[in-house]
C-alpha atoms as a PDB file:
ATOM      1  CA  MET A   1      -9.282  -4.447  13.747  1.00  0.00           C
ATOM      2  CA  GLY A   2      -7.716  -1.303  12.111  1.00  0.00           C
ATOM      3  CA  LEU A   3      -4.258  -2.456  12.275  1.00  0.00           C
ATOM      4  CA  HIS A   4      -5.033  -5.619  10.447  1.00  0.00           C
ATOM      5  CA  LYS A   5      -6.963  -3.482   7.662  1.00  0.00           C
ATOM      6  CA  ALA A   6      -3.750  -1.313   7.426  1.00  0.00           C
ATOM      7  CA  ASP A   7      -1.510  -4.319   6.856  1.00  0.00           C
ATOM      8  CA  CYS A   8      -3.917  -5.907   4.280  1.00  0.00           C
ATOM      9  CA  HIS A   9      -4.011  -2.548   2.438  1.00  0.00           C
ATOM     10  CA  LEU A  10      -0.057  -2.667   2.201  1.00  0.00           C
ATOM     11  CA  GLU A  11      -0.234  -6.221   1.154  1.00  0.00           C
ATOM     12  CA  TYR A  12      -2.804  -5.502  -1.470  1.00  0.00           C
ATOM     13  CA  ALA A  13      -0.586  -2.750  -2.624  1.00  0.00           C
ATOM     14  CA  ARG A  14       2.366  -4.860  -3.091  1.00  0.00           C
ATOM     15  CA  LEU A  15       0.315  -7.535  -4.953  1.00  0.00           C
ATOM     16  CA  TYR A  16      -0.932  -4.986  -7.337  1.00  0.00           C
ATOM     17  CA  LEU A  17       2.563  -3.666  -7.911  1.00  0.00           C
ATOM     18  CA  ALA A  18       3.545  -7.313  -8.672  1.00  0.00           C
ATOM     19  CA  MET A  19       0.655  -7.274 -11.198  1.00  0.00           C
ATOM     20  CA  ASP A  20       1.766  -4.040 -12.743  1.00  0.00           C
ATOM     21  CA  LYS A  21      -1.350  -2.313 -11.790  1.00  0.00           C
ATOM     22  CA  LYS A  22       0.091   0.855 -10.196  1.00  0.00           C
ATOM     23  CA  GLU A  23      -3.046   2.838 -10.238  1.00  0.00           C
ATOM     24  CA  ASP A  24      -4.675   0.162  -7.931  1.00  0.00           C
ATOM     25  CA  ALA A  25      -1.585   0.151  -5.727  1.00  0.00           C
ATOM     26  CA  LYS A  26      -1.778   4.038  -5.515  1.00  0.00           C
ATOM     27  CA  LYS A  27      -5.432   3.682  -4.409  1.00  0.00           C
ATOM     28  CA  MET A  28      -4.559   1.070  -1.754  1.00  0.00           C
ATOM     29  CA  ILE A  29      -1.971   3.230  -0.209  1.00  0.00           C
ATOM     30  CA  HIS A  30      -4.150   6.447  -0.030  1.00  0.00           C
ATOM     31  CA  LYS A  31      -7.167   4.318   1.172  1.00  0.00           C
ATOM     32  CA  MET A  32      -5.083   3.206   4.118  1.00  0.00           C
ATOM     33  CA  GLY A  33      -4.627   6.485   5.960  1.00  0.00           C
ATOM     34  CA  TYR A  34      -2.876   4.949   8.837  1.00  0.00           C
ATOM     35  CA  HIS A  35       0.754   5.735   9.863  1.00  0.00           C
ATOM     36  CA  ARG A  36       2.224   2.768  11.727  1.00  0.00           C
ATOM     37  CA  ARG A  37       3.568   1.384   8.634  1.00  0.00           C
ATOM     38  CA  ASP A  38       4.883   4.625   7.153  1.00  0.00           C
ATOM     39  CA  VAL A  39       8.169   2.898   6.263  1.00  0.00           C
ATOM     40  CA  ASP A  40       6.505   0.387   4.141  1.00  0.00           C
ATOM     41  CA  VAL A  41       4.237   2.910   2.363  1.00  0.00           C
ATOM     42  CA  GLU A  42       7.264   4.826   1.262  1.00  0.00           C
ATOM     43  CA  GLU A  43       8.985   1.793   0.032  1.00  0.00           C
ATOM     44  CA  ILE A  44       5.878   1.009  -2.115  1.00  0.00           C
ATOM     45  CA  GLU A  45       5.437   4.744  -3.263  1.00  0.00           C
ATOM     46  CA  GLU A  46       9.188   4.663  -4.448  1.00  0.00           C
ATOM     47  CA  LYS A  47       8.244   1.592  -6.686  1.00  0.00           C
ATOM     48  CA  LEU A  48       5.262   3.501  -8.004  1.00  0.00           C
ATOM     49  CA  LEU A  49       7.450   6.252  -9.807  1.00  0.00           C
END
């Protein structure tokens, strides 16, 4: 179940970015705490800058 939760957190972060809610996106990224999708996390974090 943890893998699915990590995927959901990443998609929520992308959704928050699309809604211009960067602080919420940052919270989702840090809440995830999982490294299988580090490339996706890096992509989203670049957009937060």
